[in-house]
């Protein structure tokens, strides 16, 4: 029999922090007899939380969300399983109605499997628990199991790379073959970004369009060999795999010296990285500037330096 239980409640896990990440419990769902004649929307408090805290992390296909519906021990096992399925389904429907793609959502229901044992009914058992984590557009559907929280840091190093292993070369091949529209200069570069706190790194491919000038007898712009590591920090903690999408690279070189600046987009709420970096020995004379994509080419891997 349907019985209202008061306002919806939300609990956020403060330990599950980081850019684009969230872990929360939406609880105190009503008892429900699944009356198909009357649609019962999410409680106002749950709708407000989803609209303000969850949808912004998932919009534009920027995140994955895992959801698990649960029930208290009142009722039969089958009834409680159906209850938990309805709860998670209602949250999923709300997200779909607000622009989240189905491929971003991994729903689950557990009935009374993890219900509290101190009482037949606990408002925290009538709930949907959710986890949100960042993703790239190229990532496949989320796995069934919720992965561990990505490691985050504010301390990183970046280096331009020319010596690439066979395994990494195969992953970068699709970027090397990328066809771009017209423009007098096409930049392609490979960088490694190293999280020095957790000793993990990602390889990124930069592909950009721009303009270059140089001496008539030499190519516009410059060509740089493998460069040294450059330390930089981010405004707030983030994961090493969250850099990218938009970037700008500017370089000026004469003989064996070059001056370079790179801008890399960071997740919403964190100022973009803008750094002068040393990229190594330069061949050629001139300068160039381009704007393009800073694309993650590998998953985070264990790395403790060269």
Protein backbone atom coordinates (compact mmCIF):
# COMPACT_ATOMS: atom_id res chain seq x y z
CA UNK A 1 0.00 0.00 0.00
CA UNK A 2 1.38 3.43 -0.91
CA UNK A 3 2.52 5.42 2.13
CA UNK A 4 4.35 8.76 1.90
CA UNK A 5 7.40 9.04 4.16
CA UNK A 6 8.19 12.74 4.02
CA UNK A 7 10.80 14.74 2.10
CA UNK A 8 13.56 13.12 0.09
CA UNK A 9 17.00 13.17 1.68
CA UNK A 10 20.52 13.22 0.23
CA UNK A 11 23.88 12.31 1.72
CA UNK A 12 27.14 13.12 -0.10
CA UNK A 13 30.35 11.19 0.58
CA UNK A 14 32.98 13.91 1.24
CA UNK A 15 35.85 11.44 0.80
CA UNK A 16 34.85 10.72 -2.79
CA UNK A 17 36.12 14.05 -4.07
CA UNK A 18 37.75 15.32 -7.23
CA UNK A 19 36.83 17.12 -10.41
CA UNK A 20 33.83 15.55 -12.13
CA UNK A 21 33.38 12.98 -9.34
CA UNK A 22 30.52 12.44 -6.92
CA UNK A 23 29.19 9.71 -4.63
CA UNK A 24 25.80 10.23 -3.03
CA UNK A 25 22.86 8.44 -1.43
CA UNK A 26 19.32 9.52 -2.36
CA UNK A 27 17.12 8.05 0.36
CA UNK A 28 13.79 8.08 2.20
CA UNK A 29 11.87 6.99 -0.90
CA UNK A 30 8.15 6.32 -0.28
CA UNK A 31 6.62 2.89 0.20
CA UNK A 32 4.89 2.09 -3.08
CA UNK A 33 2.30 -0.44 -4.25
CA UNK A 34 3.24 0.17 -7.94
CA UNK A 35 -0.12 1.61 -8.83
CA UNK A 36 0.23 1.88 -12.63
CA UNK A 37 -2.76 4.24 -12.80
CA UNK A 38 -0.85 7.09 -11.16
CA UNK A 39 2.67 8.20 -12.02
CA UNK A 40 4.68 9.12 -8.93
CA UNK A 41 7.63 11.35 -9.81
CA UNK A 42 10.82 11.66 -7.80
CA UNK A 43 10.58 13.70 -4.64
CA UNK A 44 11.29 17.38 -5.11
CA UNK A 45 14.46 17.22 -3.05
CA UNK A 46 15.85 14.38 -5.16
CA UNK A 47 14.98 16.17 -8.41
CA UNK A 48 16.72 19.33 -7.19
CA UNK A 49 19.88 17.41 -6.29
CA UNK A 50 19.99 15.58 -9.62
CA UNK A 51 19.43 18.81 -11.56
CA UNK A 52 22.03 20.85 -9.67
CA UNK A 53 24.75 18.33 -8.83
CA UNK A 54 24.48 15.29 -11.11
CA UNK A 55 23.27 16.44 -14.54
CA UNK A 56 26.03 19.10 -14.87
CA UNK A 57 28.67 16.39 -14.41
CA UNK A 58 27.09 14.21 -17.11
CA UNK A 59 26.01 16.77 -19.72
CA UNK A 60 27.82 16.86 -23.07
CA UNK A 61 28.73 13.20 -22.49
CA UNK A 62 31.43 14.13 -19.97
CA UNK A 63 30.71 11.47 -17.31
CA UNK A 64 29.51 8.00 -16.37
CA UNK A 65 27.01 7.27 -13.58
CA UNK A 66 26.49 3.99 -11.75
CA UNK A 67 23.25 3.62 -9.75
CA UNK A 68 22.05 0.96 -7.31
CA UNK A 69 18.47 0.88 -6.04
CA UNK A 70 17.74 -0.78 -2.70
CA UNK A 71 14.85 -1.57 -0.33
CA UNK A 72 14.27 -2.23 3.36
CA UNK A 73 13.47 -5.68 4.76
CA UNK A 74 9.70 -5.08 4.94
CA UNK A 75 7.92 -7.23 2.36
CA UNK A 76 8.90 -10.28 0.34
CA UNK A 77 12.18 -10.62 -1.50
CA UNK A 78 10.45 -10.35 -4.88
CA UNK A 79 8.52 -7.24 -3.83
CA UNK A 80 11.66 -5.58 -2.49
CA UNK A 81 13.57 -6.36 -5.66
CA UNK A 82 10.80 -4.82 -7.74
CA UNK A 83 10.76 -1.80 -5.45
CA UNK A 84 14.47 -1.22 -5.86
CA UNK A 85 14.19 -1.61 -9.64
CA UNK A 86 11.42 1.00 -9.78
CA UNK A 87 13.47 3.43 -7.69
CA UNK A 88 16.60 3.22 -9.81
CA UNK A 89 14.46 3.27 -12.96
CA UNK A 90 12.80 6.51 -11.86
CA UNK A 91 16.18 8.18 -11.31
CA UNK A 92 17.39 6.88 -14.67
CA UNK A 93 14.28 8.23 -16.41
CA UNK A 94 14.87 11.66 -14.86
CA UNK A 95 18.45 11.75 -16.15
CA UNK A 96 17.40 10.62 -19.63
CA UNK A 97 14.72 13.31 -19.71
CA UNK A 98 17.40 15.90 -18.91
CA UNK A 99 19.80 15.09 -21.72
CA UNK A 100 21.95 12.28 -20.31
CA UNK A 101 22.64 9.49 -22.83
CA UNK A 102 21.67 5.92 -22.00
CA UNK A 103 25.23 4.81 -22.77
CA UNK A 104 26.43 6.91 -19.81
CA UNK A 105 24.25 5.09 -17.26
CA UNK A 106 24.78 1.72 -15.59
CA UNK A 107 21.70 0.93 -13.41
CA UNK A 108 21.45 -1.91 -10.91
CA UNK A 109 19.00 -3.13 -8.25
CA UNK A 110 19.75 -5.23 -5.17
CA UNK A 111 16.44 -5.38 -3.28
CA UNK A 112 17.02 -5.92 0.44
CA UNK A 113 20.41 -7.57 -0.12
CA UNK A 114 22.35 -4.88 1.77
CA UNK A 115 19.56 -3.71 4.07
CA UNK A 116 20.32 -2.72 7.65
CA UNK A 117 19.83 -5.53 10.17
CA UNK A 118 18.85 -3.39 13.17
CA UNK A 119 15.30 -2.70 11.92
CA UNK A 120 12.80 -4.04 9.42
CA UNK A 121 12.61 -0.61 7.87
CA UNK A 122 15.28 2.08 7.66
CA UNK A 123 14.89 5.21 5.53
CA UNK A 124 18.48 4.77 4.29
CA UNK A 125 17.56 1.38 2.81
CA UNK A 126 14.79 2.89 0.69
CA UNK A 127 17.35 4.50 -1.55
CA UNK A 128 19.35 4.88 -4.73
CA UNK A 129 23.11 5.14 -4.33
CA UNK A 130 25.02 6.70 -7.22
CA UNK A 131 28.59 7.24 -8.29
CA UNK A 132 29.63 9.74 -11.00
CA UNK A 133 33.05 9.70 -12.64
CA UNK A 134 34.53 11.61 -15.59
CA UNK A 135 34.87 10.08 -19.05
CA UNK A 136 36.15 10.94 -22.51
CA UNK A 137 33.92 10.91 -25.56
CA UNK A 138 35.90 7.94 -26.89
CA UNK A 139 35.43 5.79 -23.77
CA UNK A 140 33.12 2.76 -24.21
CA UNK A 141 30.06 2.08 -22.05
CA UNK A 142 30.73 1.96 -18.33
CA UNK A 143 31.65 -1.47 -16.93
CA UNK A 144 29.10 -3.28 -14.76
CA UNK A 145 31.24 -2.92 -11.65
CA UNK A 146 31.87 0.52 -10.20
CA UNK A 147 35.61 1.21 -10.64
CA UNK A 148 37.72 2.66 -7.82
CA UNK A 149 37.88 6.42 -7.51
CA UNK A 150 40.56 7.82 -9.85
CA UNK A 151 43.73 9.02 -8.15
CA UNK A 152 43.95 12.81 -8.07
CA UNK A 153 46.74 15.34 -7.63
CA UNK A 154 47.74 18.97 -8.17
CA UNK A 155 51.38 18.20 -8.98
CA UNK A 156 52.24 17.15 -12.53
CA UNK A 157 55.06 17.10 -15.06
CA UNK A 158 54.82 17.34 -18.85
CA UNK A 159 57.36 16.46 -21.55
CA UNK A 160 57.27 16.37 -25.34
CA UNK A 161 57.99 12.85 -26.57
CA UNK A 162 59.54 11.50 -29.76
CA UNK A 163 60.75 8.05 -28.65
CA UNK A 164 57.57 5.96 -28.54
CA UNK A 165 57.21 2.24 -27.82
CA UNK A 166 55.59 -0.01 -30.41
CA UNK A 167 52.50 -0.42 -28.19
CA UNK A 168 52.06 3.33 -27.83
CA UNK A 169 52.76 3.94 -31.51
CA UNK A 170 49.83 1.71 -32.48
CA UNK A 171 47.52 3.72 -30.22
CA UNK A 172 48.74 7.01 -31.64
CA UNK A 173 48.44 5.93 -35.28
CA UNK A 174 44.81 7.05 -35.54
CA UNK A 175 45.80 10.58 -34.56
CA UNK A 176 48.73 10.64 -37.00
CA UNK A 177 46.34 9.75 -39.83
CA UNK A 178 43.76 12.31 -38.75
CA UNK A 179 42.72 14.52 -41.68
CA UNK A 180 42.06 18.15 -40.90
CA UNK A 181 40.56 20.97 -42.90
CA UNK A 182 42.54 23.64 -44.76
CA UNK A 183 45.20 25.76 -43.12
CA UNK A 184 48.82 26.70 -43.73
CA UNK A 185 50.17 24.83 -40.71
CA UNK A 186 49.30 21.50 -39.12
CA UNK A 187 50.91 20.73 -35.75
CA UNK A 188 51.24 17.20 -34.42
CA UNK A 189 53.03 16.48 -31.15
CA UNK A 190 53.05 13.81 -28.48
CA UNK A 191 53.28 14.63 -24.78
CA UNK A 192 53.49 12.58 -21.61
CA UNK A 193 51.74 14.02 -18.54
CA UNK A 194 52.99 12.55 -15.27
CA UNK A 195 51.16 12.67 -11.94
CA UNK A 196 54.16 12.79 -9.60
CA UNK A 197 52.02 12.28 -6.47
CA UNK A 198 50.61 8.89 -7.51
CA UNK A 199 53.32 7.96 -10.05
CA UNK A 200 50.96 7.41 -12.96
CA UNK A 201 51.10 8.94 -16.44
CA UNK A 202 49.09 9.33 -19.65
CA UNK A 203 50.24 9.93 -23.20
CA UNK A 204 48.46 12.70 -25.13
CA UNK A 205 48.44 13.57 -28.83
CA UNK A 206 48.17 17.22 -29.83
CA UNK A 207 46.74 17.97 -33.28
CA UNK A 208 46.24 21.61 -34.22
CA UNK A 209 45.81 24.11 -37.04
CA UNK A 210 47.57 27.47 -37.11
CA UNK A 211 50.01 29.85 -38.75
CA UNK A 212 53.81 29.86 -38.93
CA UNK A 213 56.56 32.15 -40.21
CA UNK A 214 60.25 31.48 -40.88
CA UNK A 215 63.25 32.27 -43.03
CA UNK A 216 62.62 31.70 -46.75
CA UNK A 217 65.16 28.89 -46.91
CA UNK A 218 63.77 27.08 -43.87
CA UNK A 219 60.35 25.65 -43.02
CA UNK A 220 57.96 27.83 -41.07
CA UNK A 221 57.96 27.02 -37.40
CA UNK A 222 60.44 24.63 -35.85
CA UNK A 223 60.97 20.94 -35.14
CA UNK A 224 61.83 19.85 -31.60
CA UNK A 225 63.40 16.63 -30.29
CA UNK A 226 62.55 14.85 -27.04
CA UNK A 227 62.27 17.45 -24.29
CA UNK A 228 62.89 17.57 -20.55
CA UNK A 229 60.28 17.37 -17.83
CA UNK A 230 58.46 20.56 -16.87
CA UNK A 231 56.77 20.86 -13.48
CA UNK A 232 53.35 22.47 -13.21
CA UNK A 233 50.44 22.54 -10.79
CA UNK A 234 46.67 22.71 -11.26
CA UNK A 235 44.33 25.03 -9.39
CA UNK A 236 42.48 22.08 -7.81
CA UNK A 237 43.14 18.31 -7.61
CA UNK A 238 42.28 16.32 -10.74
CA UNK A 239 43.15 13.01 -12.37
CA UNK A 240 45.99 12.69 -14.88
CA UNK A 241 43.57 11.41 -17.50
CA UNK A 242 41.29 14.46 -17.34
CA UNK A 243 43.39 16.93 -19.35
CA UNK A 244 42.50 17.87 -22.86
CA UNK A 245 39.89 18.54 -25.49
CA UNK A 246 41.03 22.09 -26.31
CA UNK A 247 44.65 23.29 -26.44
CA UNK A 248 46.93 25.97 -27.87
CA UNK A 249 50.65 25.54 -28.63
CA UNK A 250 52.99 28.40 -29.50
CA UNK A 251 56.70 28.05 -30.24
CA UNK A 252 59.53 30.30 -31.39
CA UNK A 253 62.95 28.86 -32.22
CA UNK A 254 66.37 29.99 -33.42
CA UNK A 255 69.15 27.45 -33.86
CA UNK A 256 69.24 25.21 -30.80
CA UNK A 257 66.95 27.30 -28.61
CA UNK A 258 63.19 27.55 -28.46
CA UNK A 259 60.60 29.25 -26.30
CA UNK A 260 57.26 27.46 -25.99
CA UNK A 261 53.90 28.05 -24.35
CA UNK A 262 51.10 25.53 -24.01
CA UNK A 263 47.51 25.95 -22.88
CA UNK A 264 45.55 22.82 -21.94
CA UNK A 265 41.88 22.66 -21.09
CA UNK A 266 40.96 21.24 -17.69
CA UNK A 267 37.59 20.10 -16.31
CA UNK A 268 34.90 22.60 -15.41
CA UNK A 269 35.67 24.43 -12.18
CA UNK A 270 39.46 24.28 -12.64
CA UNK A 271 41.44 27.01 -14.40
CA UNK A 272 43.08 25.88 -17.64
CA UNK A 273 46.79 25.11 -17.54
CA UNK A 274 48.91 27.84 -19.16
CA UNK A 275 52.65 27.15 -18.94
CA UNK A 276 55.93 28.09 -20.56
CA UNK A 277 57.71 24.79 -21.17
CA UNK A 278 61.12 23.64 -22.33
CA UNK A 279 60.72 21.14 -25.17
CA UNK A 280 64.39 20.45 -25.93
CA UNK A 281 66.68 21.10 -28.91
CA UNK A 282 65.13 22.95 -31.88
CA UNK A 283 66.07 22.72 -35.56
CA UNK A 284 64.99 25.61 -37.78
CA UNK A 285 64.22 29.27 -37.42
CA UNK A 286 60.79 30.78 -37.01
CA UNK A 287 57.67 30.75 -34.92
CA UNK A 288 54.23 29.19 -35.06
CA UNK A 289 50.99 29.11 -33.10
CA UNK A 290 48.18 26.63 -33.44
CA UNK A 291 44.91 25.70 -31.76
CA UNK A 292 43.62 22.16 -31.66
CA UNK A 293 42.80 19.08 -29.60
CA UNK A 294 44.83 17.66 -26.73
CA UNK A 295 43.65 14.05 -26.93
CA UNK A 296 44.30 11.32 -24.37
CA UNK A 297 45.85 8.43 -26.29
CA UNK A 298 46.50 5.97 -23.42
CA UNK A 299 44.90 5.03 -20.14
CA UNK A 300 46.72 6.04 -16.94
CA UNK A 301 49.69 3.73 -16.41
CA UNK A 302 52.19 3.22 -13.63
CA UNK A 303 55.15 5.53 -14.17
CA UNK A 304 58.00 6.63 -11.92
CA UNK A 305 60.11 8.63 -14.35
CA UNK A 306 62.56 7.88 -17.17
